[in-house]
Amino acid sequence: STIRMWDLVAGKASVVLTNHKKAVRALVTHEKEYTFLSASPDNMKKWKCPEGKFLHNITGHNCIINALALNQDDVLVAGGDNGKIHMYDWRSGYNFQTLETIAQPGSLESERGIFA
């Protein structure tokens, strides 16, 4: 799958990133560092703007990441299709906490995914 970084003045893609093996399902940007993170089932990748330089992988989630969020304390939150919420340090990629949802009564285990 690809990520295209656009030059809005020129009206065309300035960089095309093709490092993910599977579909990219979520993106999040850092408000101060000029970096962003992309998530797919294989791993999460951190990038530097505007050149699209690959910085490092963030691994350990073992699921399809559907949602990403980043707070002002540089805590990255990733929600997966397996009902787990992983919390990472933005700079190092260290997974310091994992929370797991409980399937609602009468629903299937596969229906407990995090989607937003």
Foldseek 3Di string as FASTA:
>chain_A
DWDFQDDVVVGGTPDIDDPDPADWQEKDADPPQQKIWTFAQVWIWIAHPDVGHTDDTQDDPNFGWNYWDADPQQWIWTWGQQQKIWIARNPPNDGPDIDGDDDDPPDDSSPNTDHD
